[in-house]
Amino acid sequence: MENYQSIRISALAEEDRPREKLLLRGKANLSDAELIAILIGSGTQHLSAVDLSRHILKSVDHDLAQLAKLSVNDLKKFKGIGEAKAISIVSALELGRRRKEADPQKKVKISSSADVYRLMRQELQDESVEYFYVLFLNRSNLVIKKQLISQGGTSATIADPKLIFKFGIESLANALILVHNHPSGNLKPSTADINLTKKLCLVGKNLELPVLDHVIFTDVGYFSFADEGMI
């Protein structure tokens, strides 16, 4: 009997080839149609699983993002795709989406207040109410976590020290940076901002989780407590 590993792919039945090809050559060598064919298992009387998969892909211009938008009922409209096969395709694409979301993102290094301002622009630009965030950093000043603490009205928000340091300890952070916005565009820290910063700096010092900066964000610029020698 011919050794399993020496079977030529061309000698296999069309619908069995993707499975064997994956085993013999690796998953990266399979086309999108071949991968889908493995999911659906079999085709129709006139179409192999691979050809049926090609037909499905052609309907969405070979765009996997568009394929992922199809529902079970949408897929069942293709001859040869029953509920079980449609569910397999939908489930696989959903797993792919979740895998992408779970991919570790490249950590941002904070070397200056300008880095903080650039990092927080996406969250705080054009906002009409105040938001209070904390950036938790590791020993290399890489951002471990960007945490929303609270949001308030047009002129104030509340930052609970217990909540802030709870998140910091849970994140195993080595330092933190406070960030909140002034929707008014006023760069000057309020008395409340100054008092809160002093309080959090003291708590951080006692917990060996130092506050490196407090950045006040506006759409036209920012104010840094560290840059101004206030931390």
C-alpha atoms as a PDB file:
ATOM      1  CA  MET A   1       0.000   0.000   0.000  1.00  0.00           C
ATOM      2  CA  GLU A   2       1.257   3.448  -0.875  1.00  0.00           C
ATOM      3  CA  ASN A   3       2.457   5.391   2.155  1.00  0.00           C
ATOM      4  CA  TYR A   4      -0.111   7.999   3.346  1.00  0.00           C
ATOM      5  CA  GLN A   5       2.391  10.863   3.208  1.00  0.00           C
ATOM      6  CA  SER A   6       3.337  10.042  -0.373  1.00  0.00           C
ATOM      7  CA  ILE A   7      -0.203  10.267  -1.790  1.00  0.00           C
ATOM      8  CA  ARG A   8      -0.292  12.826  -4.559  1.00  0.00           C
ATOM      9  CA  ILE A   9      -2.950  15.476  -4.116  1.00  0.00           C
ATOM     10  CA  SER A  10      -3.865  15.243  -7.794  1.00  0.00           C
ATOM     11  CA  ALA A  11      -4.790  11.591  -7.288  1.00  0.00           C
ATOM     12  CA  LEU A  12      -7.392  12.367  -4.646  1.00  0.00           C
ATOM     13  CA  ALA A  13     -11.098  13.057  -5.161  1.00  0.00           C
ATOM     14  CA  GLU A  14     -11.680  16.773  -5.726  1.00  0.00           C
ATOM     15  CA  GLU A  15     -13.642  17.332  -2.492  1.00  0.00           C
ATOM     16  CA  ASP A  16     -11.050  15.466  -0.416  1.00  0.00           C
ATOM     17  CA  ARG A  17      -8.061  17.384  -1.699  1.00  0.00           C
ATOM     18  CA  PRO A  18      -8.260  20.392   0.661  1.00  0.00           C
ATOM     19  CA  ARG A  19      -8.061  18.186   3.754  1.00  0.00           C
ATOM     20  CA  GLU A  20      -5.129  16.243   2.411  1.00  0.00           C
ATOM     21  CA  LYS A  21      -3.461  19.383   1.118  1.00  0.00           C
ATOM     22  CA  LEU A  22      -3.699  20.939   4.579  1.00  0.00           C
ATOM     23  CA  LEU A  23      -2.090  17.866   6.139  1.00  0.00           C
ATOM     24  CA  LEU A  24       0.627  17.526   3.519  1.00  0.00           C
ATOM     25  CA  ARG A  25       1.459  21.159   2.772  1.00  0.00           C
ATOM     26  CA  GLY A  26       0.080  23.180   5.679  1.00  0.00           C
ATOM     27  CA  LYS A  27      -2.884  25.512   6.098  1.00  0.00           C
ATOM     28  CA  ALA A  28      -1.138  28.515   4.544  1.00  0.00           C
ATOM     29  CA  ASN A  29      -1.073  26.759   1.168  1.00  0.00           C
ATOM     30  CA  LEU A  30      -4.846  26.482   0.902  1.00  0.00           C
ATOM     31  CA  SER A  31      -6.946  28.996  -0.990  1.00  0.00           C
ATOM     32  CA  ASP A  32      -9.987  30.646   0.595  1.00  0.00           C
ATOM     33  CA  ALA A  33     -12.212  28.326  -1.429  1.00  0.00           C
ATOM     34  CA  GLU A  34     -10.347  25.250  -0.211  1.00  0.00           C
ATOM     35  CA  LEU A  35     -10.636  26.344   3.413  1.00  0.00           C
ATOM     36  CA  ILE A  36     -14.366  26.895   3.032  1.00  0.00           C
ATOM     37  CA  ALA A  37     -14.645  23.528   1.302  1.00  0.00           C
ATOM     38  CA  ILE A  38     -13.225  21.868   4.411  1.00  0.00           C
ATOM     39  CA  LEU A  39     -15.926  23.594   6.463  1.00  0.00           C
ATOM     40  CA  ILE A  40     -18.823  22.433   4.279  1.00  0.00           C
ATOM     41  CA  GLY A  41     -17.419  18.948   3.710  1.00  0.00           C
ATOM     42  CA  SER A  42     -19.188  18.108   0.459  1.00  0.00           C
ATOM     43  CA  GLY A  43     -20.657  19.734  -2.619  1.00  0.00           C
ATOM     44  CA  THR A  44     -23.568  18.800  -4.852  1.00  0.00           C
ATOM     45  CA  GLN A  45     -24.097  16.224  -7.543  1.00  0.00           C
ATOM     46  CA  HIS A  46     -22.630  18.589 -10.085  1.00  0.00           C
ATOM     47  CA  LEU A  47     -20.244  20.708  -8.011  1.00  0.00           C
ATOM     48  CA  SER A  48     -17.414  19.649  -5.744  1.00  0.00           C
ATOM     49  CA  ALA A  49     -17.082  21.313  -2.345  1.00  0.00           C
ATOM     50  CA  VAL A  50     -14.270  23.453  -3.740  1.00  0.00           C
ATOM     51  CA  ASP A  51     -16.319  24.576  -6.744  1.00  0.00           C
ATOM     52  CA  LEU A  52     -19.319  25.332  -4.531  1.00  0.00           C
ATOM     53  CA  SER A  53     -17.043  27.392  -2.289  1.00  0.00           C
ATOM     54  CA  ARG A  54     -15.704  29.269  -5.304  1.00  0.00           C
ATOM     55  CA  HIS A  55     -19.289  30.012  -6.340  1.00  0.00           C
ATOM     56  CA  ILE A  56     -20.071  31.438  -2.891  1.00  0.00           C
ATOM     57  CA  LEU A  57     -16.904  33.545  -2.891  1.00  0.00           C
ATOM     58  CA  LYS A  58     -17.619  34.858  -6.396  1.00  0.00           C
ATOM     59  CA  SER A  59     -20.990  36.155  -5.156  1.00  0.00           C
ATOM     60  CA  VAL A  60     -19.187  38.454  -2.703  1.00  0.00           C
ATOM     61  CA  ASP A  61     -16.353  39.385  -5.101  1.00  0.00           C
ATOM     62  CA  HIS A  62     -13.989  37.133  -3.136  1.00  0.00           C
ATOM     63  CA  ASP A  63     -14.206  39.533  -0.200  1.00  0.00           C
ATOM     64  CA  LEU A  64     -14.132  37.644   3.113  1.00  0.00           C
ATOM     65  CA  ALA A  65     -15.356  40.725   4.956  1.00  0.00           C
ATOM     66  CA  GLN A  66     -18.496  40.681   2.791  1.00  0.00           C
ATOM     67  CA  LEU A  67     -18.847  36.924   3.228  1.00  0.00           C
ATOM     68  CA  ALA A  68     -18.796  37.426   6.996  1.00  0.00           C
ATOM     69  CA  LYS A  69     -21.833  39.690   6.687  1.00  0.00           C
ATOM     70  CA  LEU A  70     -23.973  36.910   5.186  1.00  0.00           C
ATOM     71  CA  SER A  71     -26.469  35.293   7.522  1.00  0.00           C
ATOM     72  CA  VAL A  72     -27.307  31.611   7.775  1.00  0.00           C
ATOM     73  CA  ASN A  73     -30.403  32.246   5.634  1.00  0.00           C
ATOM     74  CA  ASP A  74     -28.327  34.114   3.054  1.00  0.00           C
ATOM     75  CA  LEU A  75     -25.962  31.163   2.717  1.00  0.00           C
ATOM     76  CA  LYS A  76     -28.799  28.644   2.528  1.00  0.00           C
ATOM     77  CA  LYS A  77     -29.850  30.263  -0.757  1.00  0.00           C
ATOM     78  CA  PHE A  78     -26.879  28.561  -2.423  1.00  0.00           C
ATOM     79  CA  LYS A  79     -27.785  25.137  -3.745  1.00  0.00           C
ATOM     80  CA  GLY A  80     -25.895  22.564  -1.687  1.00  0.00           C
ATOM     81  CA  ILE A  81     -25.661  24.706   1.439  1.00  0.00           C
ATOM     82  CA  GLY A  82     -28.052  23.548   4.127  1.00  0.00           C
ATOM     83  CA  GLU A  83     -28.436  24.914   7.614  1.00  0.00           C
ATOM     84  CA  ALA A  84     -25.584  22.878   9.105  1.00  0.00           C
ATOM     85  CA  LYS A  85     -23.094  23.978   6.427  1.00  0.00           C
ATOM     86  CA  ALA A  86     -24.237  27.593   6.664  1.00  0.00           C
ATOM     87  CA  ILE A  87     -23.788  27.536  10.431  1.00  0.00           C
ATOM     88  CA  SER A  88     -20.267  26.136  10.000  1.00  0.00           C
ATOM     89  CA  ILE A  89     -19.295  29.004   7.696  1.00  0.00           C
ATOM     90  CA  VAL A  90     -20.850  31.685   9.904  1.00  0.00           C
ATOM     91  CA  SER A  91     -19.229  30.216  13.021  1.00  0.00           C
ATOM     92  CA  ALA A  92     -15.776  30.012  11.430  1.00  0.00           C
ATOM     93  CA  LEU A  93     -15.911  33.617  10.243  1.00  0.00           C
ATOM     94  CA  GLU A  94     -17.077  34.791  13.647  1.00  0.00           C
ATOM     95  CA  LEU A  95     -14.153  32.978  15.268  1.00  0.00           C
ATOM     96  CA  GLY A  96     -11.854  34.745  12.813  1.00  0.00           C
ATOM     97  CA  ARG A  97     -13.333  38.106  13.761  1.00  0.00           C
ATOM     98  CA  ARG A  98     -12.872  37.376  17.472  1.00  0.00           C
ATOM     99  CA  ARG A  99      -9.328  36.176  16.850  1.00  0.00           C
ATOM    100  CA  LYS A 100      -8.534  39.469  15.150  1.00  0.00           C
ATOM    101  CA  GLU A 101      -9.987  41.440  18.070  1.00  0.00           C
ATOM    102  CA  ALA A 102      -7.926  39.375  20.496  1.00  0.00           C
ATOM    103  CA  ASP A 103      -4.658  39.949  18.635  1.00  0.00           C
ATOM    104  CA  PRO A 104      -2.210  41.755  20.885  1.00  0.00           C
ATOM    105  CA  GLN A 105      -1.808  45.318  19.737  1.00  0.00           C
ATOM    106  CA  LYS A 106       1.572  46.982  19.657  1.00  0.00           C
ATOM    107  CA  LYS A 107       1.998  48.846  22.925  1.00  0.00           C
ATOM    108  CA  VAL A 108       2.505  52.591  22.753  1.00  0.00           C
ATOM    109  CA  LYS A 109       5.502  54.046  24.588  1.00  0.00           C
ATOM    110  CA  ILE A 110       4.966  57.299  26.452  1.00  0.00           C
ATOM    111  CA  SER A 111       8.041  59.494  26.408  1.00  0.00           C
ATOM    112  CA  SER A 112       6.411  62.902  26.739  1.00  0.00           C
ATOM    113  CA  SER A 113       3.158  64.737  27.319  1.00  0.00           C
ATOM    114  CA  ALA A 114       2.873  65.122  23.542  1.00  0.00           C
ATOM    115  CA  ASP A 115       2.697  61.315  23.254  1.00  0.00           C
ATOM    116  CA  VAL A 116      -0.217  61.320  25.705  1.00  0.00           C
ATOM    117  CA  TYR A 117      -2.013  64.030  23.742  1.00  0.00           C
ATOM    118  CA  ARG A 118      -1.635  62.131  20.453  1.00  0.00           C
ATOM    119  CA  LEU A 119      -2.748  58.855  22.031  1.00  0.00           C
ATOM    120  CA  MET A 120      -5.892  60.327  23.574  1.00  0.00           C
ATOM    121  CA  ARG A 121      -7.009  62.343  20.550  1.00  0.00           C
ATOM    122  CA  GLN A 122      -9.242  59.537  19.284  1.00  0.00           C
ATOM    123  CA  GLU A 123     -11.158  59.379  22.574  1.00  0.00           C
ATOM    124  CA  LEU A 124     -11.346  63.054  23.465  1.00  0.00           C
ATOM    125  CA  GLN A 125     -11.377  65.107  20.270  1.00  0.00           C
ATOM    126  CA  ASP A 126     -14.642  67.070  19.786  1.00  0.00           C
ATOM    127  CA  GLU A 127     -16.241  65.772  22.976  1.00  0.00           C
ATOM    128  CA  SER A 128     -18.812  68.091  24.594  1.00  0.00           C
ATOM    129  CA  VAL A 129     -18.618  66.618  28.117  1.00  0.00           C
ATOM    130  CA  GLU A 130     -15.698  65.815  30.402  1.00  0.00           C
ATOM    131  CA  TYR A 131     -14.109  62.370  30.438  1.00  0.00           C
ATOM    132  CA  PHE A 132     -11.496  61.181  32.895  1.00  0.00           C
ATOM    133  CA  TYR A 133      -9.053  58.494  31.722  1.00  0.00           C
ATOM    134  CA  VAL A 134      -6.021  56.844  33.257  1.00  0.00           C
ATOM    135  CA  LEU A 135      -3.122  55.360  31.287  1.00  0.00           C
ATOM    136  CA  PHE A 136      -1.453  52.486  33.107  1.00  0.00           C
ATOM    137  CA  LEU A 137       2.198  51.912  32.206  1.00  0.00           C
ATOM    138  CA  ASN A 138       4.750  49.148  32.693  1.00  0.00           C
ATOM    139  CA  ARG A 139       8.402  49.637  33.709  1.00  0.00           C
ATOM    140  CA  SER A 140       9.317  50.648  30.163  1.00  0.00           C
ATOM    141  CA  ASN A 141       6.561  53.290  30.028  1.00  0.00           C
ATOM    142  CA  LEU A 142       4.574  51.199  27.557  1.00  0.00           C
ATOM    143  CA  VAL A 143       0.813  51.588  27.885  1.00  0.00           C
ATOM    144  CA  ILE A 144      -0.696  48.458  29.411  1.00  0.00           C
ATOM    145  CA  LYS A 145      -4.215  49.778  29.546  1.00  0.00           C
ATOM    146  CA  LYS A 146      -6.237  52.870  28.684  1.00  0.00           C
ATOM    147  CA  GLN A 147      -9.037  53.035  31.245  1.00  0.00           C
ATOM    148  CA  LEU A 148     -12.093  55.304  31.281  1.00  0.00           C
ATOM    149  CA  ILE A 149     -12.786  56.190  34.912  1.00  0.00           C
ATOM    150  CA  SER A 150     -15.775  58.494  34.596  1.00  0.00           C
ATOM    151  CA  GLN A 151     -17.635  60.982  32.472  1.00  0.00           C
ATOM    152  CA  GLY A 152     -19.505  64.008  33.645  1.00  0.00           C
ATOM    153  CA  GLY A 153     -21.132  67.208  32.498  1.00  0.00           C
ATOM    154  CA  THR A 154     -19.813  70.075  30.465  1.00  0.00           C
ATOM    155  CA  SER A 155     -17.703  71.420  33.314  1.00  0.00           C
ATOM    156  CA  ALA A 156     -16.789  68.592  35.678  1.00  0.00           C
ATOM    157  CA  THR A 157     -16.323  64.871  36.152  1.00  0.00           C
ATOM    158  CA  ILE A 158     -15.491  62.738  39.175  1.00  0.00           C
ATOM    159  CA  ALA A 159     -12.389  60.588  39.556  1.00  0.00           C
ATOM    160  CA  ASP A 160     -12.565  58.088  42.421  1.00  0.00           C
ATOM    161  CA  PRO A 161      -9.028  57.388  43.762  1.00  0.00           C
ATOM    162  CA  LYS A 162     -10.067  53.945  45.027  1.00  0.00           C
ATOM    163  CA  LEU A 163     -11.253  52.960  41.558  1.00  0.00           C
ATOM    164  CA  ILE A 164      -8.170  54.346  39.844  1.00  0.00           C
ATOM    165  CA  PHE A 165      -5.691  52.468  42.005  1.00  0.00           C
ATOM    166  CA  LYS A 166      -7.816  49.318  41.971  1.00  0.00           C
ATOM    167  CA  PHE A 167      -7.470  49.233  38.175  1.00  0.00           C
ATOM    168  CA  GLY A 168      -3.762  49.993  38.502  1.00  0.00           C
ATOM    169  CA  ILE A 169      -3.102  47.137  40.901  1.00  0.00           C
ATOM    170  CA  GLU A 170      -5.170  44.698  38.828  1.00  0.00           C
ATOM    171  CA  SER A 171      -3.207  45.704  35.717  1.00  0.00           C
ATOM    172  CA  LEU A 172       0.119  45.166  37.528  1.00  0.00           C
ATOM    173  CA  ALA A 173       1.050  48.683  36.433  1.00  0.00           C
ATOM    174  CA  ASN A 174       4.238  50.408  37.509  1.00  0.00           C
ATOM    175  CA  ALA A 175       3.037  53.965  36.952  1.00  0.00           C
ATOM    176  CA  LEU A 176       0.055  55.907  35.695  1.00  0.00           C
ATOM    177  CA  ILE A 177      -0.870  59.081  33.865  1.00  0.00           C
ATOM    178  CA  LEU A 178      -4.104  60.981  34.449  1.00  0.00           C
ATOM    179  CA  VAL A 179      -5.928  62.486  31.480  1.00  0.00           C
ATOM    180  CA  HIS A 180      -9.130  64.493  31.292  1.00  0.00           C
ATOM    181  CA  ASN A 181     -10.581  66.950  28.830  1.00  0.00           C
ATOM    182  CA  HIS A 182     -11.900  70.489  29.111  1.00  0.00           C
ATOM    183  CA  PRO A 183     -14.713  70.840  26.551  1.00  0.00           C
ATOM    184  CA  SER A 184     -14.572  74.608  27.081  1.00  0.00           C
ATOM    185  CA  GLY A 185     -11.104  74.695  25.548  1.00  0.00           C
ATOM    186  CA  ASN A 186      -9.652  76.288  28.702  1.00  0.00           C
ATOM    187  CA  LEU A 187      -6.144  74.908  29.226  1.00  0.00           C
ATOM    188  CA  LYS A 188      -5.823  76.219  32.775  1.00  0.00           C
ATOM    189  CA  PRO A 189      -6.311  73.578  35.510  1.00  0.00           C
ATOM    190  CA  SER A 190      -9.071  74.302  37.983  1.00  0.00           C
ATOM    191  CA  THR A 191      -8.556  74.296  41.736  1.00  0.00           C
ATOM    192  CA  ALA A 192     -10.352  70.956  41.798  1.00  0.00           C
ATOM    193  CA  ASP A 193      -7.923  69.586  39.147  1.00  0.00           C
ATOM    194  CA  ILE A 194      -4.936  70.701  41.216  1.00  0.00           C
ATOM    195  CA  ASN A 195      -6.277  69.296  44.485  1.00  0.00           C
ATOM    196  CA  LEU A 196      -7.213  65.975  42.886  1.00  0.00           C
ATOM    197  CA  THR A 197      -3.768  65.658  41.316  1.00  0.00           C
ATOM    198  CA  LYS A 198      -2.045  66.282  44.645  1.00  0.00           C
ATOM    199  CA  LYS A 199      -4.275  63.717  46.330  1.00  0.00           C
ATOM    200  CA  LEU A 200      -3.660  61.047  43.706  1.00  0.00           C
ATOM    201  CA  CYS A 201       0.081  61.699  43.700  1.00  0.00           C
ATOM    202  CA  LEU A 202       0.180  61.140  47.460  1.00  0.00           C
ATOM    203  CA  VAL A 203      -1.806  57.914  47.254  1.00  0.00           C
ATOM    204  CA  GLY A 204       0.339  56.708  44.360  1.00  0.00           C
ATOM    205  CA  LYS A 205       3.514  57.388  46.287  1.00  0.00           C
ATOM    206  CA  ASN A 206       2.260  55.373  49.264  1.00  0.00           C
ATOM    207  CA  LEU A 207       1.251  52.481  46.984  1.00  0.00           C
ATOM    208  CA  GLU A 208       4.485  52.637  44.949  1.00  0.00           C
ATOM    209  CA  LEU A 209       2.340  53.337  41.895  1.00  0.00           C
ATOM    210  CA  PRO A 210       3.450  56.854  40.988  1.00  0.00           C
ATOM    211  CA  VAL A 211       1.452  59.404  39.023  1.00  0.00           C
ATOM    212  CA  LEU A 212       3.812  60.597  36.269  1.00  0.00           C
ATOM    213  CA  ASP A 213       1.609  63.304  34.798  1.00  0.00           C
ATOM    214  CA  HIS A 214      -1.863  64.763  34.568  1.00  0.00           C
ATOM    215  CA  VAL A 215      -2.699  65.982  31.089  1.00  0.00           C
ATOM    216  CA  ILE A 216      -5.627  68.297  30.442  1.00  0.00           C
ATOM    217  CA  PHE A 217      -6.806  67.773  26.870  1.00  0.00           C
ATOM    218  CA  THR A 218      -8.508  70.334  24.620  1.00  0.00           C
ATOM    219  CA  ASP A 219      -9.094  70.292  20.878  1.00  0.00           C
ATOM    220  CA  VAL A 220      -6.480  73.023  20.393  1.00  0.00           C
ATOM    221  CA  GLY A 221      -3.769  71.924  22.822  1.00  0.00           C
ATOM    222  CA  TYR A 222      -3.041  70.519  26.228  1.00  0.00           C
ATOM    223  CA  PHE A 223      -1.717  71.313  29.681  1.00  0.00           C
ATOM    224  CA  SER A 224       0.783  68.985  31.389  1.00  0.00           C
ATOM    225  CA  PHE A 225       1.260  69.093  35.160  1.00  0.00           C
ATOM    226  CA  ALA A 226       4.660  67.407  34.742  1.00  0.00           C
ATOM    227  CA  ASP A 227       5.837  69.883  32.110  1.00  0.00           C
ATOM    228  CA  GLU A 228       4.861  72.754  34.390  1.00  0.00           C
ATOM    229  CA  GLY A 229       6.689  71.257  37.383  1.00  0.00           C
ATOM    230  CA  MET A 230       3.460  70.658  39.302  1.00  0.00           C
ATOM    231  CA  ILE A 231       4.170  66.929  39.843  1.00  0.00           C
END
